Structure formats: C-alpha cells, structure tokens
Amino acid sequence: MTLNPKNWSLPDIPMLKSFGQQLTEFNQAYTAKNIFNQLVERVQDFEAKLDQEHEVGMRLVSFGKSTEFSVARIGYMDPSLIWFQGTLSDGSDVELVQHVNQISFMLIKIKRESPQEPRCPIGFCSNLPLQETPDSELDEPIKVQPMAKG
C-alpha cells in the first residue's frame, strides 16, 4: 500500500494567520497604551483608598537609592514609553520616562502639604509628547476609561 498525498484531505482548519499577524496581535498587549490603561486603573484604585491627608506617590525600586515623589501626571507615547511627572519632597519637579519593559515602582501614600484643600486628581494624558502638551491640559486632567476586563 502506498500513500498518495494527492488523496489526503485536511480537516476543516480556520485560515492560519501569518506569523507577522500573530506577532502583531501578541505585541498589542504590550503597547504603551495598554500598559498605561492598566496603570490608570491601578492608580485610581490606590487613590480611592487614601484619606484626605495623603496623595499618591511613587517609590522607584530600580535605582540604587530610594527615590520618592508625589505623582501629578502619567502619560504614554506609543509604542513603548510611559512617563510620570511629579514633585520630589524638596519641591523640585521630576519627570521619569521609562520603556514599558522597565517599569518597576511602588505606589505609596505621601503626606499632602495642604490637606485642608481638595485633593487634585492625577492627570492622565494619552499619547501626547511632553513638549506638545497644551498648557490648558495642565489644569484639566484627561479622564481615561479603564480597560474593559475580560
């Protein structure tokens, strides 16, 4: 008995995607936009648990010495950069830009300077390079819908 490949029938398999398509779909989960949306959700959950005397801060865990700052704004630049702006304890401004593969920090609560005033929510900025962010946006944070859980 000889096998004749011309007579073989293949099972009904949906059309296979090209390697490039599969790779693109896989990498979409790791874009700055998706990581940003996950960060927004985590920060908002953390912030909701704080009392009036505290605000969201970050402790960077990937640098030699501990660096903490109060977070004012978080944004991203696709495909792979996340940025954080805030203030160090001495009042100086700080900006951290990281590749999505390097993000490593702890959310911490920091004592507010003026707890009697309403807490200013963190501004979430989507896909705007820092130098192109309009001044009006500094006063009015962008509201970003968290990613749908599924």
Protein backbone atom coordinates (compact mmCIF):
# COMPACT_ATOMS: atom_id res chain seq x y z
CA MET A 1 0.00 0.00 0.00
CA THR A 2 1.41 3.36 -1.00
CA LEU A 3 0.36 6.67 0.40
CA ASN A 4 -0.68 9.25 -2.13
CA PRO A 5 -0.67 12.82 -0.69
CA LYS A 6 -2.97 13.92 -3.52
CA ASN A 7 -5.78 11.90 -1.96
CA TRP A 8 -5.37 13.23 1.55
CA SER A 9 -7.99 15.56 2.91
CA LEU A 10 -7.19 18.11 5.56
CA PRO A 11 -9.51 18.71 8.48
CA ASP A 12 -11.51 21.91 8.37
CA ILE A 13 -8.98 24.36 9.90
CA PRO A 14 -9.68 28.07 10.00
CA MET A 15 -7.27 30.02 7.83
CA LEU A 16 -3.99 30.30 9.64
CA LYS A 17 -2.71 33.81 10.31
CA SER A 18 0.67 34.84 9.06
CA PHE A 19 3.49 34.96 11.56
CA GLY A 20 3.53 38.76 11.23
CA GLN A 21 -0.17 38.99 12.11
CA GLN A 22 0.28 36.71 15.11
CA LEU A 23 3.27 38.70 16.33
CA THR A 24 1.39 41.99 15.94
CA GLU A 25 -1.58 40.69 17.93
CA PHE A 26 0.70 39.33 20.65
CA ASN A 27 2.62 42.60 20.96
CA GLN A 28 -0.54 44.73 21.18
CA ALA A 29 -0.91 43.72 24.82
CA TYR A 30 2.49 45.27 25.49
CA THR A 31 1.99 48.66 23.87
CA ALA A 32 2.39 51.75 25.98
CA LYS A 33 -1.32 52.48 25.55
CA ASN A 34 -2.36 49.15 27.08
CA ILE A 35 0.17 49.38 29.89
CA PHE A 36 -0.96 52.98 30.51
CA ASN A 37 -4.61 51.89 30.76
CA GLN A 38 -3.65 49.25 33.32
CA LEU A 39 -1.65 51.84 35.29
CA VAL A 40 -4.61 54.24 35.25
CA GLU A 41 -6.82 51.57 36.77
CA ARG A 42 -4.27 50.66 39.46
CA VAL A 43 -3.55 54.28 40.40
CA GLN A 44 -7.25 55.15 40.60
CA ASP A 45 -7.91 52.11 42.82
CA PHE A 46 -5.00 53.10 45.07
CA GLU A 47 -6.06 56.76 45.19
CA ALA A 48 -9.65 55.84 46.12
CA LYS A 49 -8.37 54.22 49.33
CA LEU A 50 -6.46 57.29 50.55
CA ASP A 51 -7.69 59.68 53.21
CA GLN A 52 -7.76 63.47 52.73
CA GLU A 53 -4.30 63.90 54.28
CA HIS A 54 -2.49 61.73 51.72
CA GLU A 55 -1.90 61.61 47.98
CA VAL A 56 -0.47 59.11 45.53
CA GLY A 57 3.28 58.88 45.44
CA MET A 58 5.79 56.59 43.79
CA ARG A 59 8.88 54.91 45.14
CA LEU A 60 11.23 53.92 42.37
CA VAL A 61 12.59 50.49 43.04
CA SER A 62 15.02 50.16 40.15
CA PHE A 63 17.54 52.80 41.22
CA GLY A 64 20.34 52.39 43.75
CA LYS A 65 18.92 54.68 46.40
CA SER A 66 15.24 55.06 47.15
CA THR A 67 13.59 57.90 45.23
CA GLU A 68 10.08 59.01 46.16
CA PHE A 69 7.89 61.63 44.54
CA SER A 70 4.31 62.85 44.52
CA VAL A 71 2.65 61.91 41.21
CA ALA A 72 0.89 64.70 39.29
CA ARG A 73 0.60 63.29 35.77
CA ILE A 74 1.03 59.99 33.95
CA GLY A 75 1.11 59.59 30.20
CA TYR A 76 2.43 57.48 27.36
CA MET A 77 3.99 57.69 23.94
CA ASP A 78 3.31 54.66 21.75
CA PRO A 79 4.65 52.24 21.07
CA SER A 80 6.70 51.76 24.22
CA LEU A 81 7.23 54.76 26.56
CA ILE A 82 5.40 55.60 29.79
CA TRP A 83 6.13 58.88 31.58
CA PHE A 84 5.48 60.17 35.08
CA GLN A 85 5.65 63.78 36.27
CA GLY A 86 5.57 64.94 39.86
CA THR A 87 7.35 66.66 42.70
CA LEU A 88 10.14 65.49 44.98
CA SER A 89 9.87 66.10 48.74
CA ASP A 90 12.09 69.20 48.40
CA GLY A 91 9.59 70.74 45.95
CA SER A 92 11.63 70.23 42.80
CA ASP A 93 9.92 68.91 39.68
CA VAL A 94 10.72 65.42 38.47
CA GLU A 95 9.95 63.57 35.26
CA LEU A 96 10.56 59.89 34.69
CA VAL A 97 10.36 58.31 31.24
CA GLN A 98 10.58 54.52 31.05
CA HIS A 99 10.25 51.81 28.45
CA VAL A 100 7.28 49.55 29.18
CA ASN A 101 9.70 46.67 29.85
CA GLN A 102 11.49 48.67 32.57
CA ILE A 103 8.56 49.87 34.67
CA SER A 104 9.15 48.96 38.27
CA PHE A 105 7.83 51.08 41.13
CA MET A 106 5.65 51.00 44.21
CA LEU A 107 2.61 53.18 44.72
CA ILE A 108 2.89 54.77 48.15
CA LYS A 109 0.88 57.27 50.13
CA ILE A 110 2.57 60.59 50.79
CA LYS A 111 1.53 63.26 53.28
CA ARG A 112 -0.09 66.21 51.49
CA GLU A 113 1.23 69.73 52.07
CA SER A 114 -2.29 71.23 52.29
CA PRO A 115 -4.72 68.52 53.42
CA GLN A 116 -7.45 71.12 54.04
CA GLU A 117 -7.66 71.82 50.29
CA PRO A 118 -9.39 69.34 47.96
CA ARG A 119 -7.04 66.70 46.58
CA CYS A 120 -6.11 67.32 42.95
CA PRO A 121 -6.68 64.17 40.88
CA ILE A 122 -3.78 62.80 38.89
CA GLY A 123 -3.83 63.88 35.25
CA PHE A 124 -3.82 61.05 32.76
CA CYS A 125 -2.60 62.07 29.32
CA SER A 126 -2.94 59.84 26.32
CA ASN A 127 -0.24 59.66 23.67
CA LEU A 128 0.91 63.29 23.77
CA PRO A 129 4.63 64.02 23.68
CA LEU A 130 5.53 66.07 26.73
CA GLN A 131 6.68 69.11 24.78
CA GLU A 132 3.39 69.22 22.83
CA THR A 133 1.07 69.05 25.86
CA PRO A 134 -1.13 72.19 25.88
CA ASP A 135 -0.92 74.42 28.97
CA SER A 136 -4.68 74.17 29.44
CA GLU A 137 -4.29 70.43 29.91
CA LEU A 138 -2.13 71.00 32.96
CA ASP A 139 -5.18 72.34 34.80
CA GLU A 140 -7.75 69.90 33.43
CA PRO A 141 -6.70 66.24 33.60
CA ILE A 142 -7.91 63.94 30.84
CA LYS A 143 -10.38 61.33 32.02
CA VAL A 144 -9.43 57.93 30.65
CA GLN A 145 -11.79 54.98 30.75
CA PRO A 146 -10.14 51.91 32.26
CA MET A 147 -9.69 48.89 30.02
CA ALA A 148 -12.62 46.51 29.93
CA LYS A 149 -11.97 43.42 32.00
CA GLY A 150 -12.43 40.31 30.06
